[in-house]
Amino acid sequence: SQNIFYRAYATEWYKFSHRLKSLLLITLYRSNKPCGLKAGNMIPLS
């Protein structure tokens, strides 16, 4: 899940149009905090 953040951030995003930049920001925001599983909503399973 966090690999999405790294791949999106590694692009030359500063060359994109404003529309694409707004979508890229959404992607970075969603994937900045990785998804995962937890035990009892407390302990991350890792």
ModelCIF file with pLDDT and N, C-alpha, C, O atoms, coordinates in Angstrom:
data_MODEL
#
_entry.id   MODEL 
#
_entity.id                         1 
_entity.type                       polymer 
_entity.pdbx_number_of_molecules   1 
#
_entity_poly.entity_id                      1 
_entity_poly.type                           'polypeptide(L)' 
_entity_poly.nstd_linkage                   no 
_entity_poly.nstd_monomer                   no 
_entity_poly.pdbx_seq_one_letter_code       SQNIFYRAYATEWYKFSHRLKSLLLITLYRSNKPCGLKAGNMIPLS 
_entity_poly.pdbx_seq_one_letter_code_can   SQNIFYRAYATEWYKFSHRLKSLLLITLYRSNKPCGLKAGNMIPLS 
_entity_poly.pdbx_strand_id                 A 
#
loop_
_entity_poly_seq.entity_id 
_entity_poly_seq.num 
_entity_poly_seq.mon_id 
_entity_poly_seq.hetero 
1 1  SER n 
1 2  GLN n 
1 3  ASN n 
1 4  ILE n 
1 5  PHE n 
1 6  TYR n 
1 7  ARG n 
1 8  ALA n 
1 9  TYR n 
1 10 ALA n 
1 11 THR n 
1 12 GLU n 
1 13 TRP n 
1 14 TYR n 
1 15 LYS n 
1 16 PHE n 
1 17 SER n 
1 18 HIS n 
1 19 ARG n 
1 20 LEU n 
1 21 LYS n 
1 22 SER n 
1 23 LEU n 
1 24 LEU n 
1 25 LEU n 
1 26 ILE n 
1 27 THR n 
1 28 LEU n 
1 29 TYR n 
1 30 ARG n 
1 31 SER n 
1 32 ASN n 
1 33 LYS n 
1 34 PRO n 
1 35 CYS n 
1 36 GLY n 
1 37 LEU n 
1 38 LYS n 
1 39 ALA n 
1 40 GLY n 
1 41 ASN n 
1 42 MET n 
1 43 ILE n 
1 44 PRO n 
1 45 LEU n 
1 46 SER n 
#
_struct_asym.id          A 
_struct_asym.entity_id   1 
#
loop_
_ma_qa_metric.id 
_ma_qa_metric.mode 
_ma_qa_metric.name 
_ma_qa_metric.software_group_id 
_ma_qa_metric.type 
1 global pLDDT . pLDDT 
2 local  pLDDT . pLDDT 
#
_ma_qa_metric_global.metric_id      1 
_ma_qa_metric_global.metric_value   82.11 
_ma_qa_metric_global.model_id       1 
_ma_qa_metric_global.ordinal_id     1 
#
loop_
_ma_qa_metric_local.label_asym_id 
_ma_qa_metric_local.label_comp_id 
_ma_qa_metric_local.label_seq_id 
_ma_qa_metric_local.metric_id 
_ma_qa_metric_local.metric_value 
_ma_qa_metric_local.model_id 
_ma_qa_metric_local.ordinal_id 
A SER 1  2 90.00 1 1  
A GLN 2  2 89.00 1 2  
A ASN 3  2 89.00 1 3  
A ILE 4  2 87.00 1 4  
A PHE 5  2 85.00 1 5  
A TYR 6  2 84.00 1 6  
A ARG 7  2 81.00 1 7  
A ALA 8  2 78.00 1 8  
A TYR 9  2 78.00 1 9  
A ALA 10 2 75.00 1 10 
A THR 11 2 72.00 1 11 
A GLU 12 2 68.00 1 12 
A TRP 13 2 67.00 1 13 
A TYR 14 2 67.00 1 14 
A LYS 15 2 67.00 1 15 
A PHE 16 2 72.00 1 16 
A SER 17 2 73.00 1 17 
A HIS 18 2 79.00 1 18 
A ARG 19 2 78.00 1 19 
A LEU 20 2 79.00 1 20 
A LYS 21 2 78.00 1 21 
A SER 22 2 82.00 1 22 
A LEU 23 2 80.00 1 23 
A LEU 24 2 80.00 1 24 
A LEU 25 2 83.00 1 25 
A ILE 26 2 84.00 1 26 
A THR 27 2 83.00 1 27 
A LEU 28 2 83.00 1 28 
A TYR 29 2 84.00 1 29 
A ARG 30 2 82.00 1 30 
A SER 31 2 83.00 1 31 
A ASN 32 2 84.00 1 32 
A LYS 33 2 85.00 1 33 
A PRO 34 2 86.00 1 34 
A CYS 35 2 89.00 1 35 
A GLY 36 2 88.00 1 36 
A LEU 37 2 91.00 1 37 
A LYS 38 2 91.00 1 38 
A ALA 39 2 89.00 1 39 
A GLY 40 2 84.00 1 40 
A ASN 41 2 82.00 1 41 
A MET 42 2 84.00 1 42 
A ILE 43 2 89.00 1 43 
A PRO 44 2 91.00 1 44 
A LEU 45 2 92.00 1 45 
A SER 46 2 92.00 1 46 
#
loop_
_atom_site.group_PDB 
_atom_site.id 
_atom_site.type_symbol 
_atom_site.label_atom_id 
_atom_site.label_alt_id 
_atom_site.label_comp_id 
_atom_site.label_asym_id 
_atom_site.label_entity_id 
_atom_site.label_seq_id 
_atom_site.pdbx_PDB_ins_code 
_atom_site.Cartn_x 
_atom_site.Cartn_y 
_atom_site.Cartn_z 
_atom_site.occupancy 
_atom_site.B_iso_or_equiv 
_atom_site.pdbx_formal_charge 
_atom_site.auth_seq_id 
_atom_site.auth_comp_id 
_atom_site.auth_asym_id 
_atom_site.auth_atom_id 
_atom_site.pdbx_PDB_model_num 
ATOM 1   N N  . SER A 1 1  ? 0.826  -1.211 0.000   1.00 90.00 ? 1  SER A N  1 
ATOM 2   C CA . SER A 1 1  ? 0.000  0.000  0.000   1.00 90.00 ? 1  SER A CA 1 
ATOM 3   C C  . SER A 1 1  ? 0.860  1.261  0.000   1.00 90.00 ? 1  SER A C  1 
ATOM 4   O O  . SER A 1 1  ? 0.502  2.254  -0.634  1.00 90.00 ? 1  SER A O  1 
ATOM 5   N N  . GLN A 1 2  ? 1.986  1.231  0.702   1.00 89.00 ? 2  GLN A N  1 
ATOM 6   C CA . GLN A 1 2  ? 2.856  2.407  0.735   1.00 89.00 ? 2  GLN A CA 1 
ATOM 7   C C  . GLN A 1 2  ? 3.710  2.524  -0.521  1.00 89.00 ? 2  GLN A C  1 
ATOM 8   O O  . GLN A 1 2  ? 4.232  3.598  -0.822  1.00 89.00 ? 2  GLN A O  1 
ATOM 9   N N  . ASN A 1 3  ? 3.852  1.433  -1.246  1.00 89.00 ? 3  ASN A N  1 
ATOM 10  C CA . ASN A 1 3  ? 4.613  1.468  -2.493  1.00 89.00 ? 3  ASN A CA 1 
ATOM 11  C C  . ASN A 1 3  ? 3.961  2.404  -3.508  1.00 89.00 ? 3  ASN A C  1 
ATOM 12  O O  . ASN A 1 3  ? 4.642  2.972  -4.361  1.00 89.00 ? 3  ASN A O  1 
ATOM 13  N N  . ILE A 1 4  ? 2.635  2.563  -3.413  1.00 87.00 ? 4  ILE A N  1 
ATOM 14  C CA . ILE A 1 4  ? 1.921  3.506  -4.286  1.00 87.00 ? 4  ILE A CA 1 
ATOM 15  C C  . ILE A 1 4  ? 2.433  4.925  -4.048  1.00 87.00 ? 4  ILE A C  1 
ATOM 16  O O  . ILE A 1 4  ? 2.635  5.684  -4.996  1.00 87.00 ? 4  ILE A O  1 
ATOM 17  N N  . PHE A 1 5  ? 2.639  5.277  -2.790  1.00 85.00 ? 5  PHE A N  1 
ATOM 18  C CA . PHE A 1 5  ? 3.154  6.606  -2.448  1.00 85.00 ? 5  PHE A CA 1 
ATOM 19  C C  . PHE A 1 5  ? 4.532  6.825  -3.061  1.00 85.00 ? 5  PHE A C  1 
ATOM 20  O O  . PHE A 1 5  ? 4.783  7.874  -3.655  1.00 85.00 ? 5  PHE A O  1 
ATOM 21  N N  . TYR A 1 6  ? 5.421  5.854  -2.923  1.00 84.00 ? 6  TYR A N  1 
ATOM 22  C CA . TYR A 1 6  ? 6.785  5.997  -3.413  1.00 84.00 ? 6  TYR A CA 1 
ATOM 23  C C  . TYR A 1 6  ? 6.823  6.134  -4.938  1.00 84.00 ? 6  TYR A C  1 
ATOM 24  O O  . TYR A 1 6  ? 7.581  6.946  -5.469  1.00 84.00 ? 6  TYR A O  1 
ATOM 25  N N  . ARG A 1 7  ? 6.012  5.348  -5.638  1.00 81.00 ? 7  ARG A N  1 
ATOM 26  C CA . ARG A 1 7  ? 6.012  5.400  -7.096  1.00 81.00 ? 7  ARG A CA 1 
ATOM 27  C C  . ARG A 1 7  ? 5.437  6.724  -7.607  1.00 81.00 ? 7  ARG A C  1 
ATOM 28  O O  . ARG A 1 7  ? 5.937  7.300  -8.573  1.00 81.00 ? 7  ARG A O  1 
ATOM 29  N N  . ALA A 1 8  ? 4.379  7.193  -6.942  1.00 78.00 ? 8  ALA A N  1 
ATOM 30  C CA . ALA A 1 8  ? 3.778  8.462  -7.359  1.00 78.00 ? 8  ALA A CA 1 
ATOM 31  C C  . ALA A 1 8  ? 4.714  9.630  -7.075  1.00 78.00 ? 8  ALA A C  1 
ATOM 32  O O  . ALA A 1 8  ? 4.828  10.548 -7.888  1.00 78.00 ? 8  ALA A O  1 
ATOM 33  N N  . TYR A 1 9  ? 5.373  9.601  -5.943  1.00 78.00 ? 9  TYR A N  1 
ATOM 34  C CA . TYR A 1 9  ? 6.253  10.703 -5.545  1.00 78.00 ? 9  TYR A CA 1 
ATOM 35  C C  . TYR A 1 9  ? 7.522  10.755 -6.398  1.00 78.00 ? 9  TYR A C  1 
ATOM 36  O O  . TYR A 1 9  ? 8.113  11.820 -6.581  1.00 78.00 ? 9  TYR A O  1 
ATOM 37  N N  . ALA A 1 10 ? 7.931  9.600  -6.915  1.00 75.00 ? 10 ALA A N  1 
ATOM 38  C CA . ALA A 1 10 ? 9.178  9.537  -7.682  1.00 75.00 ? 10 ALA A CA 1 
ATOM 39  C C  . ALA A 1 10 ? 9.057  10.156 -9.071  1.00 75.00 ? 10 ALA A C  1 
ATOM 40  O O  . ALA A 1 10 ? 10.077 10.363 -9.728  1.00 75.00 ? 10 ALA A O  1 
ATOM 41  N N  . THR A 1 11 ? 7.855  10.458 -9.541  1.00 72.00 ? 11 THR A N  1 
ATOM 42  C CA . THR A 1 11 ? 7.665  11.036 -10.864 1.00 72.00 ? 11 THR A CA 1 
ATOM 43  C C  . THR A 1 11 ? 7.996  12.530 -10.859 1.00 72.00 ? 11 THR A C  1 
ATOM 44  O O  . THR A 1 11 ? 8.128  13.148 -9.803  1.00 72.00 ? 11 THR A O  1 
ATOM 45  N N  . GLU A 1 12 ? 8.126  13.090 -12.052 1.00 68.00 ? 12 GLU A N  1 
ATOM 46  C CA . GLU A 1 12 ? 8.387  14.525 -12.168 1.00 68.00 ? 12 GLU A CA 1 
ATOM 47  C C  . GLU A 1 12 ? 7.055  15.275 -12.098 1.00 68.00 ? 12 GLU A C  1 
ATOM 48  O O  . GLU A 1 12 ? 6.595  15.858 -13.079 1.00 68.00 ? 12 GLU A O  1 
ATOM 49  N N  . TRP A 1 13 ? 6.460  15.241 -10.925 1.00 67.00 ? 13 TRP A N  1 
ATOM 50  C CA . TRP A 1 13 ? 5.119  15.784 -10.728 1.00 67.00 ? 13 TRP A CA 1 
ATOM 51  C C  . TRP A 1 13 ? 5.030  17.286 -10.972 1.00 67.00 ? 13 TRP A C  1 
ATOM 52  O O  . TRP A 1 13 ? 3.954  17.794 -11.285 1.00 67.00 ? 13 TRP A O  1 
ATOM 53  N N  . TYR A 1 14 ? 6.130  17.997 -10.837 1.00 67.00 ? 14 TYR A N  1 
ATOM 54  C CA . TYR A 1 14 ? 6.122  19.447 -11.007 1.00 67.00 ? 14 TYR A CA 1 
ATOM 55  C C  . TYR A 1 14 ? 5.890  19.854 -12.473 1.00 67.00 ? 14 TYR A C  1 
ATOM 56  O O  . TYR A 1 14 ? 5.639  21.023 -12.763 1.00 67.00 ? 14 TYR A O  1 
ATOM 57  N N  . LYS A 1 15 ? 5.976  18.882 -13.392 1.00 67.00 ? 15 LYS A N  1 
ATOM 58  C CA . LYS A 1 15 ? 5.743  19.175 -14.807 1.00 67.00 ? 15 LYS A CA 1 
ATOM 59  C C  . LYS A 1 15 ? 4.282  18.961 -15.218 1.00 67.00 ? 15 LYS A C  1 
ATOM 60  O O  . LYS A 1 15 ? 3.896  19.282 -16.342 1.00 67.00 ? 15 LYS A O  1 
ATOM 61  N N  . PHE A 1 16 ? 3.468  18.413 -14.293 1.00 72.00 ? 16 PHE A N  1 
ATOM 62  C CA . PHE A 1 16 ? 2.092  18.062 -14.638 1.00 72.00 ? 16 PHE A CA 1 
ATOM 63  C C  . PHE A 1 16 ? 1.207  19.304 -14.655 1.00 72.00 ? 16 PHE A C  1 
ATOM 64  O O  . PHE A 1 16 ? 1.560  20.364 -14.138 1.00 72.00 ? 16 PHE A O  1 
ATOM 65  N N  . SER A 1 17 ? 0.053  19.124 -15.267 1.00 73.00 ? 17 SER A N  1 
ATOM 66  C CA . SER A 1 17 ? -0.955 20.185 -15.253 1.00 73.00 ? 17 SER A CA 1 
ATOM 67  C C  . SER A 1 17 ? -1.574 20.281 -13.867 1.00 73.00 ? 17 SER A C  1 
ATOM 68  O O  . SER A 1 17 ? -1.402 19.389 -13.036 1.00 73.00 ? 17 SER A O  1 
ATOM 69  N N  . HIS A 1 18 ? -2.298 21.375 -13.623 1.00 79.00 ? 18 HIS A N  1 
ATOM 70  C CA . HIS A 1 18 ? -2.910 21.568 -12.314 1.00 79.00 ? 18 HIS A CA 1 
ATOM 71  C C  . HIS A 1 18 ? -3.924 20.464 -12.009 1.00 79.00 ? 18 HIS A C  1 
ATOM 72  O O  . HIS A 1 18 ? -4.041 20.029 -10.863 1.00 79.00 ? 18 HIS A O  1 
ATOM 73  N N  . ARG A 1 19 ? -4.653 20.013 -13.026 1.00 78.00 ? 19 ARG A N  1 
ATOM 74  C CA . ARG A 1 19 ? -5.652 18.956 -12.816 1.00 78.00 ? 19 ARG A CA 1 
ATOM 75  C C  . ARG A 1 19 ? -4.984 17.663 -12.335 1.00 78.00 ? 19 ARG A C  1 
ATOM 76  O O  . ARG A 1 19 ? -5.450 17.020 -11.395 1.00 78.00 ? 19 ARG A O  1 
ATOM 77  N N  . LEU A 1 20 ? -3.891 17.302 -12.994 1.00 79.00 ? 20 LEU A N  1 
ATOM 78  C CA . LEU A 1 20 ? -3.195 16.072 -12.614 1.00 79.00 ? 20 LEU A CA 1 
ATOM 79  C C  . LEU A 1 20 ? -2.501 16.210 -11.264 1.00 79.00 ? 20 LEU A C  1 
ATOM 80  O O  . LEU A 1 20 ? -2.423 15.254 -10.493 1.00 79.00 ? 20 LEU A O  1 
ATOM 81  N N  . LYS A 1 21 ? -2.002 17.408 -10.988 1.00 78.00 ? 21 LYS A N  1 
ATOM 82  C CA . LYS A 1 21 ? -1.368 17.629 -9.690  1.00 78.00 ? 21 LYS A CA 1 
ATOM 83  C C  . LYS A 1 21 ? -2.357 17.434 -8.549  1.00 78.00 ? 21 LYS A C  1 
ATOM 84  O O  . LYS A 1 21 ? -2.006 16.889 -7.502  1.00 78.00 ? 21 LYS A O  1 
ATOM 85  N N  . SER A 1 22 ? -3.604 17.882 -8.754  1.00 82.00 ? 22 SER A N  1 
ATOM 86  C CA . SER A 1 22 ? -4.625 17.725 -7.713  1.00 82.00 ? 22 SER A CA 1 
ATOM 87  C C  . SER A 1 22 ? -4.918 16.250 -7.467  1.00 82.00 ? 22 SER A C  1 
ATOM 88  O O  . SER A 1 22 ? -5.109 15.841 -6.322  1.00 82.00 ? 22 SER A O  1 
ATOM 89  N N  . LEU A 1 23 ? -4.956 15.437 -8.543  1.00 80.00 ? 23 LEU A N  1 
ATOM 90  C CA . LEU A 1 23 ? -5.176 13.995 -8.382  1.00 80.00 ? 23 LEU A CA 1 
ATOM 91  C C  . LEU A 1 23 ? -3.980 13.328 -7.716  1.00 80.00 ? 23 LEU A C  1 
ATOM 92  O O  . LEU A 1 23 ? -4.132 12.424 -6.894  1.00 80.00 ? 23 LEU A O  1 
ATOM 93  N N  . LEU A 1 24 ? -2.793 13.787 -8.081  1.00 80.00 ? 24 LEU A N  1 
ATOM 94  C CA . LEU A 1 24 ? -1.588 13.217 -7.483  1.00 80.00 ? 24 LEU A CA 1 
ATOM 95  C C  . LEU A 1 24 ? -1.534 13.509 -5.984  1.00 80.00 ? 24 LEU A C  1 
ATOM 96  O O  . LEU A 1 24 ? -1.093 12.669 -5.199  1.00 80.00 ? 24 LEU A O  1 
ATOM 97  N N  . LEU A 1 25 ? -1.981 14.691 -5.594  1.00 83.00 ? 25 LEU A N  1 
ATOM 98  C CA . LEU A 1 25 ? -2.024 15.037 -4.168  1.00 83.00 ? 25 LEU A CA 1 
ATOM 99  C C  . LEU A 1 25 ? -2.963 14.101 -3.404  1.00 83.00 ? 25 LEU A C  1 
ATOM 100 O O  . LEU A 1 25 ? -2.668 13.688 -2.282  1.00 83.00 ? 25 LEU A O  1 
ATOM 101 N N  . ILE A 1 26 ? -4.093 13.774 -4.026  1.00 84.00 ? 26 ILE A N  1 
ATOM 102 C CA . ILE A 1 26 ? -5.032 12.835 -3.393  1.00 84.00 ? 26 ILE A CA 1 
ATOM 103 C C  . ILE A 1 26 ? -4.362 11.475 -3.197  1.00 84.00 ? 26 ILE A C  1 
ATOM 104 O O  . ILE A 1 26 ? -4.495 10.850 -2.145  1.00 84.00 ? 26 ILE A O  1 
ATOM 105 N N  . THR A 1 27 ? -3.645 11.031 -4.222  1.00 83.00 ? 27 THR A N  1 
ATOM 106 C CA . THR A 1 27 ? -2.947 9.741  -4.131  1.00 83.00 ? 27 THR A CA 1 
ATOM 107 C C  . THR A 1 27 ? -1.905 9.760  -3.019  1.00 83.00 ? 27 THR A C  1 
ATOM 108 O O  . THR A 1 27 ? -1.823 8.829  -2.217  1.00 83.00 ? 27 THR A O  1 
ATOM 109 N N  . LEU A 1 28 ? -1.110 10.829 -2.977  1.00 83.00 ? 28 LEU A N  1 
ATOM 110 C CA . LEU A 1 28 ? -0.071 10.928 -1.951  1.00 83.00 ? 28 LEU A CA 1 
ATOM 111 C C  . LEU A 1 28 ? -0.676 10.980 -0.554  1.00 83.00 ? 28 LEU A C  1 
ATOM 112 O O  . LEU A 1 28 ? -0.133 10.394 0.383   1.00 83.00 ? 28 LEU A O  1 
ATOM 113 N N  . TYR A 1 29 ? -1.791 11.677 -0.413  1.00 84.00 ? 29 TYR A N  1 
ATOM 114 C CA . TYR A 1 29 ? -2.447 11.789 0.887   1.00 84.00 ? 29 TYR A CA 1 
ATOM 115 C C  . TYR A 1 29 ? -2.990 10.429 1.342   1.00 84.00 ? 29 TYR A C  1 
ATOM 116 O O  . TYR A 1 29 ? -2.844 10.046 2.503   1.00 84.00 ? 29 TYR A O  1 
ATOM 117 N N  . ARG A 1 30 ? -3.619 9.708  0.408   1.00 82.00 ? 30 ARG A N  1 
ATOM 118 C CA . ARG A 1 30 ? -4.209 8.406  0.763   1.00 82.00 ? 30 ARG A CA 1 
ATOM 119 C C  . ARG A 1 30 ? -3.152 7.359  1.097   1.00 82.00 ? 30 ARG A C  1 
ATOM 120 O O  . ARG A 1 30 ? -3.337 6.539  1.996   1.00 82.00 ? 30 ARG A O  1 
ATOM 121 N N  . SER A 1 31 ? -2.046 7.396  0.365   1.00 83.00 ? 31 SER A N  1 
ATOM 122 C CA . SER A 1 31 ? -1.042 6.324  0.514   1.00 83.00 ? 31 SER A CA 1 
ATOM 123 C C  . SER A 1 31 ? 0.098  6.687  1.443   1.00 83.00 ? 31 SER A C  1 
ATOM 124 O O  . SER A 1 31 ? 0.976  5.862  1.695   1.00 83.00 ? 31 SER A O  1 
ATOM 125 N N  . ASN A 1 32 ? 0.102  7.933  1.968   1.00 84.00 ? 32 ASN A N  1 
ATOM 126 C CA . ASN A 1 32 ? 1.182  8.327  2.875   1.00 84.00 ? 32 ASN A CA 1 
ATOM 127 C C  . ASN A 1 32 ? 1.179  7.461  4.132   1.00 84.00 ? 32 ASN A C  1 
ATOM 128 O O  . ASN A 1 32 ? 2.230  7.028  4.604   1.00 84.00 ? 32 ASN A O  1 
ATOM 129 N N  . LYS A 1 33 ? -0.019 7.214  4.667   1.00 85.00 ? 33 LYS A N  1 
ATOM 130 C CA . LYS A 1 33 ? -0.158 6.315  5.808   1.00 85.00 ? 33 LYS A CA 1 
ATOM 131 C C  . LYS A 1 33 ? -0.537 4.936  5.282   1.00 85.00 ? 33 LYS A C  1 
ATOM 132 O O  . LYS A 1 33 ? -1.625 4.777  4.728   1.00 85.00 ? 33 LYS A O  1 
ATOM 133 N N  . PRO A 1 34 ? 0.322  3.939  5.437   1.00 86.00 ? 34 PRO A N  1 
ATOM 134 C CA . PRO A 1 34 ? 0.048  2.626  4.838   1.00 86.00 ? 34 PRO A CA 1 
ATOM 135 C C  . PRO A 1 34 ? -1.160 1.937  5.456   1.00 86.00 ? 34 PRO A C  1 
ATOM 136 O O  . PRO A 1 34 ? -1.447 2.085  6.644   1.00 86.00 ? 34 PRO A O  1 
ATOM 137 N N  . CYS A 1 35 ? -1.856 1.184  4.622   1.00 89.00 ? 35 CYS A N  1 
ATOM 138 C CA . CYS A 1 35 ? -2.929 0.328  5.132   1.00 89.00 ? 35 CYS A CA 1 
ATOM 139 C C  . CYS A 1 35 ? -2.294 -0.855 5.860   1.00 89.00 ? 35 CYS A C  1 
ATOM 140 O O  . CYS A 1 35 ? -1.129 -1.180 5.633   1.00 89.00 ? 35 CYS A O  1 
ATOM 141 N N  . GLY A 1 36 ? -3.050 -1.479 6.715   1.00 88.00 ? 36 GLY A N  1 
ATOM 142 C CA . GLY A 1 36 ? -2.519 -2.621 7.437   1.00 88.00 ? 36 GLY A CA 1 
ATOM 143 C C  . GLY A 1 36 ? -3.586 -3.296 8.275   1.00 88.00 ? 36 GLY A C  1 
ATOM 144 O O  . GLY A 1 36 ? -4.738 -2.863 8.305   1.00 88.00 ? 36 GLY A O  1 
ATOM 145 N N  . LEU A 1 37 ? -3.192 -4.359 8.954   1.00 91.00 ? 37 LEU A N  1 
ATOM 146 C CA . LEU A 1 37 ? -4.083 -5.109 9.826   1.00 91.00 ? 37 LEU A CA 1 
ATOM 147 C C  . LEU A 1 37 ? -3.636 -4.918 11.266  1.00 91.00 ? 37 LEU A C  1 
ATOM 148 O O  . LEU A 1 37 ? -2.445 -4.802 11.553  1.00 91.00 ? 37 LEU A O  1 
ATOM 149 N N  . LYS A 1 38 ? -4.608 -4.888 12.161  1.00 91.00 ? 38 LYS A N  1 
ATOM 150 C CA . LYS A 1 38 ? -4.290 -4.694 13.569  1.00 91.00 ? 38 LYS A CA 1 
ATOM 151 C C  . LYS A 1 38 ? -4.961 -5.751 14.427  1.00 91.00 ? 38 LYS A C  1 
ATOM 152 O O  . LYS A 1 38 ? -6.016 -6.283 14.080  1.00 91.00 ? 38 LYS A O  1 
ATOM 153 N N  . ALA A 1 39 ? -4.330 -6.041 15.550  1.00 89.00 ? 39 ALA A N  1 
ATOM 154 C CA . ALA A 1 39 ? -4.918 -6.946 16.544  1.00 89.00 ? 39 ALA A CA 1 
ATOM 155 C C  . ALA A 1 39 ? -5.579 -6.101 17.613  1.00 89.00 ? 39 ALA A C  1 
ATOM 156 O O  . ALA A 1 39 ? -4.907 -5.363 18.334  1.00 89.00 ? 39 ALA A O  1 
ATOM 157 N N  . GLY A 1 40 ? -6.907 -6.206 17.718  1.00 84.00 ? 40 GLY A N  1 
ATOM 158 C CA . GLY A 1 40 ? -7.634 -5.428 18.711  1.00 84.00 ? 40 GLY A CA 1 
ATOM 159 C C  . GLY A 1 40 ? -7.584 -3.941 18.469  1.00 84.00 ? 40 GLY A C  1 
ATOM 160 O O  . GLY A 1 40 ? -7.741 -3.156 19.404  1.00 84.00 ? 40 GLY A O  1 
ATOM 161 N N  . ASN A 1 41 ? -7.366 -3.535 17.223  1.00 82.00 ? 41 ASN A N  1 
ATOM 162 C CA . ASN A 1 41 ? -7.273 -2.123 16.851  1.00 82.00 ? 41 ASN A CA 1 
ATOM 163 C C  . ASN A 1 41 ? -6.160 -1.400 17.611  1.00 82.00 ? 41 ASN A C  1 
ATOM 164 O O  . ASN A 1 41 ? -6.182 -0.176 17.742  1.00 82.00 ? 41 ASN A O  1 
ATOM 165 N N  . MET A 1 42 ? -5.186 -2.167 18.109  1.00 84.00 ? 42 MET A N  1 
ATOM 166 C CA . MET A 1 42 ? -4.094 -1.577 18.888  1.00 84.00 ? 42 MET A CA 1 
ATOM 167 C C  . MET A 1 42 ? -2.727 -1.981 18.360  1.00 84.00 ? 42 MET A C  1 
ATOM 168 O O  . MET A 1 42 ? -1.860 -1.133 18.147  1.00 84.00 ? 42 MET A O  1 
ATOM 169 N N  . ILE A 1 43 ? -2.540 -3.274 18.149  1.00 89.00 ? 43 ILE A N  1 
ATOM 170 C CA . ILE A 1 43 ? -1.227 -3.812 17.803  1.00 89.00 ? 43 ILE A CA 1 
ATOM 171 C C  . ILE A 1 43 ? -1.164 -4.068 16.296  1.00 89.00 ? 43 ILE A C  1 
ATOM 172 O O  . ILE A 1 43 ? -1.934 -4.884 15.790  1.00 89.00 ? 43 ILE A O  1 
ATOM 173 N N  . PRO A 1 44 ? -0.273 -3.396 15.568  1.00 91.00 ? 44 PRO A N  1 
ATOM 174 C CA . PRO A 1 44 ? -0.156 -3.666 14.130  1.00 91.00 ? 44 PRO A CA 1 
ATOM 175 C C  . PRO A 1 44 ? 0.417  -5.056 13.886  1.00 91.00 ? 44 PRO A C  1 
ATOM 176 O O  . PRO A 1 44 ? 1.381  -5.463 14.534  1.00 91.00 ? 44 PRO A O  1 
ATOM 177 N N  . LEU A 1 45 ? -0.178 -5.772 12.956  1.00 92.00 ? 45 LEU A N  1 
ATOM 178 C CA . LEU A 1 45 ? 0.330  -7.092 12.600  1.00 92.00 ? 45 LEU A CA 1 
ATOM 179 C C  . LEU A 1 45 ? 1.467  -6.906 11.598  1.00 92.00 ? 45 LEU A C  1 
ATOM 180 O O  . LEU A 1 45 ? 1.239  -6.566 10.437  1.00 92.00 ? 45 LEU A O  1 
ATOM 181 N N  . SER A 1 46 ? 2.667  -7.129 12.055  1.00 92.00 ? 46 SER A N  1 
ATOM 182 C CA . SER A 1 46 ? 3.852  -6.913 11.232  1.00 92.00 ? 46 SER A CA 1 
ATOM 183 C C  . SER A 1 46 ? 4.958  -7.853 11.689  1.00 92.00 ? 46 SER A C  1 
ATOM 184 O O  . SER A 1 46 ? 6.053  -7.838 11.127  1.00 92.00 ? 46 SER A O  1 
#
